PDB file of N, CA and C in Angstrom:
ATOM      1  N   MET A   1       0.760  -1.052   0.066  1.00  0.00           N
ATOM      2  CA  MET A   1      -0.065  -0.013  -0.098  1.00  0.00           C
ATOM      3  C   MET A   1       0.917   1.301  -0.106  1.00  0.00           C
ATOM      4  N   PHE A   2       2.126   1.099   0.809  1.00  0.00           N
ATOM      5  CA  PHE A   2       2.738   2.508   0.861  1.00  0.00           C
ATOM      6  C   PHE A   2       3.610   2.733  -0.495  1.00  0.00           C
ATOM      7  N   SER A   3       3.638   1.784  -1.223  1.00  0.00           N
ATOM      8  CA  SER A   3       4.310   2.089  -2.713  1.00  0.00           C
ATOM      9  C   SER A   3       3.377   2.752  -3.737  1.00  0.00           C
ATOM     10  N   ALA A   4       2.213   2.840  -3.340  1.00  0.00           N
ATOM     11  CA  ALA A   4       1.006   3.561  -4.230  1.00  0.00           C
ATOM     12  C   ALA A   4       1.634   4.803  -4.554  1.00  0.00           C
ATOM     13  N   PRO A   5       1.451   5.277  -5.836  1.00  0.00           N
ATOM     14  CA  PRO A   5       1.987   6.675  -6.233  1.00  0.00           C
ATOM     15  C   PRO A   5       1.342   7.707  -5.518  1.00  0.00           C
ATOM     16  N   GLU A   6       0.030   7.600  -5.072  1.00  0.00           N
ATOM     17  CA  GLU A   6      -0.703   8.519  -4.472  1.00  0.00           C
ATOM     18  C   GLU A   6      -0.291   8.745  -3.118  1.00  0.00           C
ATOM     19  N   LEU A   7       0.529   7.947  -2.554  1.00  0.00           N
ATOM     20  CA  LEU A   7       1.170   8.058  -1.299  1.00  0.00           C
ATOM     21  C   LEU A   7       2.598   8.552  -1.234  1.00  0.00           C
ATOM     22  N   SER A   8       3.201   8.802  -2.465  1.00  0.00           N
ATOM     23  CA  SER A   8       4.540   9.034  -2.690  1.00  0.00           C
ATOM     24  C   SER A   8       5.044  10.109  -1.719  1.00  0.00           C
ATOM     25  N   SER A   9       4.417  10.864  -1.117  1.00  0.00           N
ATOM     26  CA  SER A   9       4.788  12.031  -0.206  1.00  0.00           C
ATOM     27  C   SER A   9       4.364  11.806   1.317  1.00  0.00           C
ATOM     28  N   ALA A  10       3.580  10.585   1.380  1.00  0.00           N
ATOM     29  CA  ALA A  10       3.148  10.507   2.693  1.00  0.00           C
ATOM     30  C   ALA A  10       4.279   9.864   3.667  1.00  0.00           C
ATOM     31  N   SER A  11       4.272  10.367   4.891  1.00  0.00           N
ATOM     32  CA  SER A  11       5.084   9.935   6.122  1.00  0.00           C
ATOM     33  C   SER A  11       4.475   8.909   6.710  1.00  0.00           C
ATOM     34  N   LEU A  12       5.396   7.885   7.505  1.00  0.00           N
ATOM     35  CA  LEU A  12       4.858   6.778   8.117  1.00  0.00           C
ATOM     36  C   LEU A  12       5.220   6.910   9.554  1.00  0.00           C
ATOM     37  N   LEU A  13       4.194   6.697  10.392  1.00  0.00           N
ATOM     38  CA  LEU A  13       4.598   6.646  11.983  1.00  0.00           C
ATOM     39  C   LEU A  13       3.984   5.273  12.538  1.00  0.00           C
ATOM     40  N   ILE A  14       5.000   4.592  12.923  1.00  0.00           N
ATOM     41  CA  ILE A  14       4.820   3.346  13.668  1.00  0.00           C
ATOM     42  C   ILE A  14       5.145   3.359  15.131  1.00  0.00           C
ATOM     43  N   PHE A  15       3.996   3.082  15.801  1.00  0.00           N
ATOM     44  CA  PHE A  15       4.230   2.870  17.358  1.00  0.00           C
ATOM     45  C   PHE A  15       4.475   1.602  17.807  1.00  0.00           C
ATOM     46  N   ALA A  16       5.753   1.490  18.565  1.00  0.00           N
ATOM     47  CA  ALA A  16       6.450   0.150  19.028  1.00  0.00           C
ATOM     48  C   ALA A  16       5.802   0.191  20.435  1.00  0.00           C
ATOM     49  N   ASN A  17       4.561  -0.166  20.639  1.00  0.00           N
ATOM     50  CA  ASN A  17       3.933  -0.179  21.804  1.00  0.00           C
ATOM     51  C   ASN A  17       4.445  -1.387  22.771  1.00  0.00           C
ATOM     52  N   LYS A  18       3.954  -1.106  24.034  1.00  0.00           N
ATOM     53  CA  LYS A  18       4.328  -2.270  25.170  1.00  0.00           C
ATOM     54  C   LYS A  18       6.063  -2.273  25.531  1.00  0.00           C
ATOM     55  N   GLN A  19       6.488  -1.120  25.332  1.00  0.00           N
ATOM     56  CA  GLN A  19       8.042  -0.834  25.616  1.00  0.00           C
ATOM     57  C   GLN A  19       8.287  -0.919  27.156  1.00  0.00           C
ATOM     58  N   ASP A  20       7.171  -0.990  27.873  1.00  0.00           N
ATOM     59  CA  ASP A  20       7.449  -1.202  29.301  1.00  0.00           C
ATOM     60  C   ASP A  20       7.625  -2.746  29.658  1.00  0.00           C
ATOM     61  N   LEU A  21       7.326  -3.533  28.817  1.00  0.00           N
ATOM     62  CA  LEU A  21       7.524  -5.008  29.178  1.00  0.00           C
ATOM     63  C   LEU A  21       8.754  -5.420  28.810  1.00  0.00           C
ATOM     64  N   LYS A  22       9.612  -6.213  29.554  1.00  0.00           N
ATOM     65  CA  LYS A  22      10.793  -6.482  29.163  1.00  0.00           C
ATOM     66  C   LYS A  22      11.314  -7.283  28.061  1.00  0.00           C
ATOM     67  N   GLN A  23      10.230  -8.093  27.542  1.00  0.00           N
ATOM     68  CA  GLN A  23      10.196  -8.829  26.264  1.00  0.00           C
ATOM     69  C   GLN A  23      10.065  -8.265  25.114  1.00  0.00           C
ATOM     70  N   ALA A  24       9.534  -6.794  25.075  1.00  0.00           N
ATOM     71  CA  ALA A  24       9.141  -6.063  24.062  1.00  0.00           C
ATOM     72  C   ALA A  24      10.616  -5.797  23.205  1.00  0.00           C
ATOM     73  N   LEU A  25      10.244  -6.014  21.853  1.00  0.00           N
ATOM     74  CA  LEU A  25      11.291  -5.737  20.793  1.00  0.00           C
ATOM     75  C   LEU A  25      11.583  -4.137  20.711  1.00  0.00           C
ATOM     76  N   PRO A  26      12.913  -3.985  20.698  1.00  0.00           N
ATOM     77  CA  PRO A  26      13.183  -2.569  20.676  1.00  0.00           C
ATOM     78  C   PRO A  26      12.743  -1.964  19.345  1.00  0.00           C
ATOM     79  N   ALA A  27      12.651  -0.395  19.201  1.00  0.00           N
ATOM     80  CA  ALA A  27      12.132   0.065  17.983  1.00  0.00           C
ATOM     81  C   ALA A  27      12.992  -0.044  16.745  1.00  0.00           C
ATOM     82  N   GLU A  28      14.495  -0.161  17.144  1.00  0.00           N
ATOM     83  CA  GLU A  28      15.179  -0.370  16.017  1.00  0.00           C
ATOM     84  C   GLU A  28      15.081  -1.954  15.653  1.00  0.00           C
ATOM     85  N   GLN A  29      14.860  -2.859  16.152  1.00  0.00           N
ATOM     86  CA  GLN A  29      14.504  -4.106  15.844  1.00  0.00           C
ATOM     87  C   GLN A  29      13.245  -4.181  14.956  1.00  0.00           C
ATOM     88  N   ILE A  30      12.357  -3.609  15.423  1.00  0.00           N
ATOM     89  CA  ILE A  30      10.913  -3.571  14.624  1.00  0.00           C
ATOM     90  C   ILE A  30      11.237  -2.948  13.198  1.00  0.00           C
ATOM     91  N   ALA A  31      12.121  -1.877  13.173  1.00  0.00           N
ATOM     92  CA  ALA A  31      12.303  -1.300  12.019  1.00  0.00           C
ATOM     93  C   ALA A  31      12.954  -2.269  10.910  1.00  0.00           C
ATOM     94  N   ARG A  32      13.903  -2.975  11.433  1.00  0.00           N
ATOM     95  CA  ARG A  32      14.640  -4.056  10.748  1.00  0.00           C
ATOM     96  C   ARG A  32      13.789  -5.009  10.194  1.00  0.00           C
ATOM     97  N   GLU A  33      12.687  -5.519  11.219  1.00  0.00           N
ATOM     98  CA  GLU A  33      11.868  -6.695  10.653  1.00  0.00           C
ATOM     99  C   GLU A  33      11.116  -5.978   9.850  1.00  0.00           C
ATOM    100  N   LEU A  34      10.663  -4.910   9.847  1.00  0.00           N
ATOM    101  CA  LEU A  34       9.673  -4.308   8.958  1.00  0.00           C
ATOM    102  C   LEU A  34      10.374  -3.882   7.469  1.00  0.00           C
ATOM    103  N   ARG A  35      11.654  -3.971   7.473  1.00  0.00           N
ATOM    104  CA  ARG A  35      12.439  -3.579   6.490  1.00  0.00           C
ATOM    105  C   ARG A  35      12.125  -2.086   6.047  1.00  0.00           C
ATOM    106  N   ILE A  36      11.983  -1.262   6.929  1.00  0.00           N
ATOM    107  CA  ILE A  36      11.717   0.258   6.750  1.00  0.00           C
ATOM    108  C   ILE A  36      12.631   0.676   5.761  1.00  0.00           C
ATOM    109  N   GLU A  37      13.883   0.289   5.696  1.00  0.00           N
ATOM    110  CA  GLU A  37      15.080   0.814   4.887  1.00  0.00           C
ATOM    111  C   GLU A  37      14.670   0.739   3.661  1.00  0.00           C
ATOM    112  N   ALA A  38      13.992  -0.346   3.136  1.00  0.00           N
ATOM    113  CA  ALA A  38      13.428  -0.573   1.914  1.00  0.00           C
ATOM    114  C   ALA A  38      12.691   0.572   1.094  1.00  0.00           C
ATOM    115  N   LEU A  39      12.038   1.361   2.149  1.00  0.00           N
ATOM    116  CA  LEU A  39      11.152   2.451   1.627  1.00  0.00           C
ATOM    117  C   LEU A  39      11.856   3.482   1.398  1.00  0.00           C
ATOM    118  N   LYS A  40      12.456   3.555   0.336  1.00  0.00           N
ATOM    119  CA  LYS A  40      13.415   4.724  -0.056  1.00  0.00           C
ATOM    120  C   LYS A  40      12.589   6.208  -0.348  1.00  0.00           C
ATOM    121  N   ASN A  41      13.209   6.989   0.081  1.00  0.00           N
ATOM    122  CA  ASN A  41      12.908   8.426  -0.055  1.00  0.00           C
ATOM    123  C   ASN A  41      11.455   8.585   0.707  1.00  0.00           C
ATOM    124  N   ARG A  42      11.296   8.041   1.909  1.00  0.00           N
ATOM    125  CA  ARG A  42      10.113   8.016   2.644  1.00  0.00           C
ATOM    126  C   ARG A  42      10.679   8.534   4.116  1.00  0.00           C
ATOM    127  N   ASN A  43       9.640   9.480   4.699  1.00  0.00           N
ATOM    128  CA  ASN A  43      10.019   9.604   6.105  1.00  0.00           C
ATOM    129  C   ASN A  43       9.229   8.642   6.858  1.00  0.00           C
ATOM    130  N   CYS A  44      10.017   7.650   7.423  1.00  0.00           N
ATOM    131  CA  CYS A  44       9.437   6.594   8.434  1.00  0.00           C
ATOM    132  C   CYS A  44       9.852   6.777   9.976  1.00  0.00           C
ATOM    133  N   ILE A  45       9.053   6.757  10.699  1.00  0.00           N
ATOM    134  CA  ILE A  45       9.325   6.982  12.291  1.00  0.00           C
ATOM    135  C   ILE A  45       9.003   5.802  12.915  1.00  0.00           C
ATOM    136  N   VAL A  46       9.700   5.042  13.622  1.00  0.00           N
ATOM    137  CA  VAL A  46       9.270   3.818  14.495  1.00  0.00           C
ATOM    138  C   VAL A  46       9.605   4.506  16.038  1.00  0.00           C
ATOM    139  N   GLN A  47       8.384   4.819  16.617  1.00  0.00           N
ATOM    140  CA  GLN A  47       8.312   5.469  17.934  1.00  0.00           C
ATOM    141  C   GLN A  47       8.218   4.441  19.172  1.00  0.00           C
ATOM    142  N   PRO A  48       9.009   4.352  19.923  1.00  0.00           N
ATOM    143  CA  PRO A  48       8.874   3.212  21.191  1.00  0.00           C
ATOM    144  C   PRO A  48       7.951   4.111  22.182  1.00  0.00           C
ATOM    145  N   CYS A  49       6.814   3.258  22.619  1.00  0.00           N
ATOM    146  CA  CYS A  49       5.856   3.796  23.425  1.00  0.00           C
ATOM    147  C   CYS A  49       5.239   2.761  24.378  1.00  0.00           C
ATOM    148  N   CYS A  50       4.579   3.482  25.404  1.00  0.00           N
ATOM    149  CA  CYS A  50       3.818   2.625  26.196  1.00  0.00           C
ATOM    150  C   CYS A  50       2.253   3.094  26.244  1.00  0.00           C
ATOM    151  N   GLY A  51       1.343   2.604  25.671  1.00  0.00           N
ATOM    152  CA  GLY A  51       0.035   2.930  25.515  1.00  0.00           C
ATOM    153  C   GLY A  51      -0.599   3.058  26.994  1.00  0.00           C
ATOM    154  N   ALA A  52      -0.092   2.345  28.045  1.00  0.00           N
ATOM    155  CA  ALA A  52      -0.930   2.506  29.269  1.00  0.00           C
ATOM    156  C   ALA A  52      -0.401   3.672  29.932  1.00  0.00           C
ATOM    157  N   THR A  53       0.680   4.167  29.707  1.00  0.00           N
ATOM    158  CA  THR A  53       1.244   5.235  30.420  1.00  0.00           C
ATOM    159  C   THR A  53       1.152   6.599  29.569  1.00  0.00           C
ATOM    160  N   GLY A  54       1.279   6.357  28.209  1.00  0.00           N
ATOM    161  CA  GLY A  54       1.175   7.495  27.289  1.00  0.00           C
ATOM    162  C   GLY A  54       2.648   7.975  26.985  1.00  0.00           C
ATOM    163  N   GLU A  55       3.479   7.351  27.478  1.00  0.00           N
ATOM    164  CA  GLU A  55       5.048   7.581  27.345  1.00  0.00           C
ATOM    165  C   GLU A  55       5.422   7.310  25.837  1.00  0.00           C
ATOM    166  N   GLY A  56       5.841   8.356  25.027  1.00  0.00           N
ATOM    167  CA  GLY A  56       6.242   8.087  23.753  1.00  0.00           C
ATOM    168  C   GLY A  56       5.142   8.673  22.857  1.00  0.00           C
ATOM    169  N   LEU A  57       3.949   8.686  23.004  1.00  0.00           N
ATOM    170  CA  LEU A  57       3.037   8.990  22.294  1.00  0.00           C
ATOM    171  C   LEU A  57       3.027  10.254  21.750  1.00  0.00           C
ATOM    172  N   TYR A  58       3.070  11.271  22.428  1.00  0.00           N
ATOM    173  CA  TYR A  58       3.313  12.728  22.099  1.00  0.00           C
ATOM    174  C   TYR A  58       4.450  12.939  21.259  1.00  0.00           C
ATOM    175  N   GLN A  59       5.646  12.148  21.808  1.00  0.00           N
ATOM    176  CA  GLN A  59       6.815  12.362  20.840  1.00  0.00           C
ATOM    177  C   GLN A  59       6.577  11.899  19.435  1.00  0.00           C
ATOM    178  N   GLY A  60       5.905  10.675  19.258  1.00  0.00           N
ATOM    179  CA  GLY A  60       5.774  10.295  17.963  1.00  0.00           C
ATOM    180  C   GLY A  60       4.760  11.135  16.981  1.00  0.00           C
ATOM    181  N   LEU A  61       3.889  11.741  17.754  1.00  0.00           N
ATOM    182  CA  LEU A  61       2.941  12.655  16.929  1.00  0.00           C
ATOM    183  C   LEU A  61       3.689  13.958  16.618  1.00  0.00           C
ATOM    184  N   GLY A  62       4.643  14.403  17.660  1.00  0.00           N
ATOM    185  CA  GLY A  62       5.375  15.547  17.206  1.00  0.00           C
ATOM    186  C   GLY A  62       6.430  15.414  16.114  1.00  0.00           C
ATOM    187  N   SER A  63       6.941  14.237  16.186  1.00  0.00           N
ATOM    188  CA  SER A  63       7.847  13.756  14.908  1.00  0.00           C
ATOM    189  C   SER A  63       7.000  13.600  13.724  1.00  0.00           C
ATOM    190  N   LEU A  64       5.844  13.091  13.675  1.00  0.00           N
ATOM    191  CA  LEU A  64       5.091  13.062  12.567  1.00  0.00           C
ATOM    192  C   LEU A  64       4.867  14.526  12.000  1.00  0.00           C
ATOM    193  N   MET A  65       4.384  15.481  12.836  1.00  0.00           N
ATOM    194  CA  MET A  65       4.028  16.658  12.526  1.00  0.00           C
ATOM    195  C   MET A  65       5.095  17.256  11.941  1.00  0.00           C
ATOM    196  N   ARG A  66       6.411  17.158  12.455  1.00  0.00           N
ATOM    197  CA  ARG A  66       7.461  17.795  11.961  1.00  0.00           C
ATOM    198  C   ARG A  66       7.883  17.422  10.511  1.00  0.00           C
ATOM    199  N   ALA A  67       7.582  16.060  10.360  1.00  0.00           N
ATOM    200  CA  ALA A  67       8.090  15.489   9.028  1.00  0.00           C
ATOM    201  C   ALA A  67       6.906  15.985   8.064  1.00  0.00           C
ATOM    202  N   MET A  68       5.729  16.098   8.287  1.00  0.00           N
ATOM    203  CA  MET A  68       4.719  16.660   7.392  1.00  0.00           C
ATOM    204  C   MET A  68       4.865  18.175   7.186  1.00  0.00           C
ATOM    205  N   SER A  69       5.253  18.909   8.075  1.00  0.00           N
ATOM    206  CA  SER A  69       5.488  20.312   7.870  1.00  0.00           C
ATOM    207  C   SER A  69       6.835  20.605   7.029  1.00  0.00           C
ATOM    208  N   GLN A  70       7.898  19.676   7.114  1.00  0.00           N
ATOM    209  CA  GLN A  70       9.083  19.971   6.454  1.00  0.00           C
ATOM    210  C   GLN A  70       8.519  19.426   4.757  1.00  0.00           C
ATOM    211  N   LYS A  71       7.772  18.771   4.565  1.00  0.00           N
ATOM    212  CA  LYS A  71       7.390  18.270   3.322  1.00  0.00           C
ATOM    213  C   LYS A  71       6.368  19.368   2.700  1.00  0.00           C
ATOM    214  N   SER A  72       5.785  19.923   3.495  1.00  0.00           N
ATOM    215  CA  SER A  72       4.944  20.903   3.058  1.00  0.00           C
ATOM    216  C   SER A  72       5.688  22.212   2.513  1.00  0.00           C
ATOM    217  N   VAL A  73       7.014  22.333   3.079  1.00  0.00           N
ATOM    218  CA  VAL A  73       7.785  23.692   2.927  1.00  0.00           C
ATOM    219  C   VAL A  73       8.522  23.524   1.705  1.00  0.00           C
ATOM    220  N   SER A  74       8.865  21.948   1.333  1.00  0.00           N
ATOM    221  CA  SER A  74       9.707  21.597   0.270  1.00  0.00           C
ATOM    222  C   SER A  74       9.126  21.751  -0.981  1.00  0.00           C
TER     223      SER A  74
END
């Protein structure tokens, strides 16, 4: 879906939830498993978070907003 021409300028935010659990995969490993690097010329963010506490949620949304505002300036 992300390779569709209509989404060529779209940014992608992935929340790596459950980071409060010791068995949670780190965000970097999730990015590798999803092969994010294969999405050339895309702004992809894998944000560690904990939905129960809200930790990381605002940071992820802030990163997405910055990415979107940078693209609108370009």
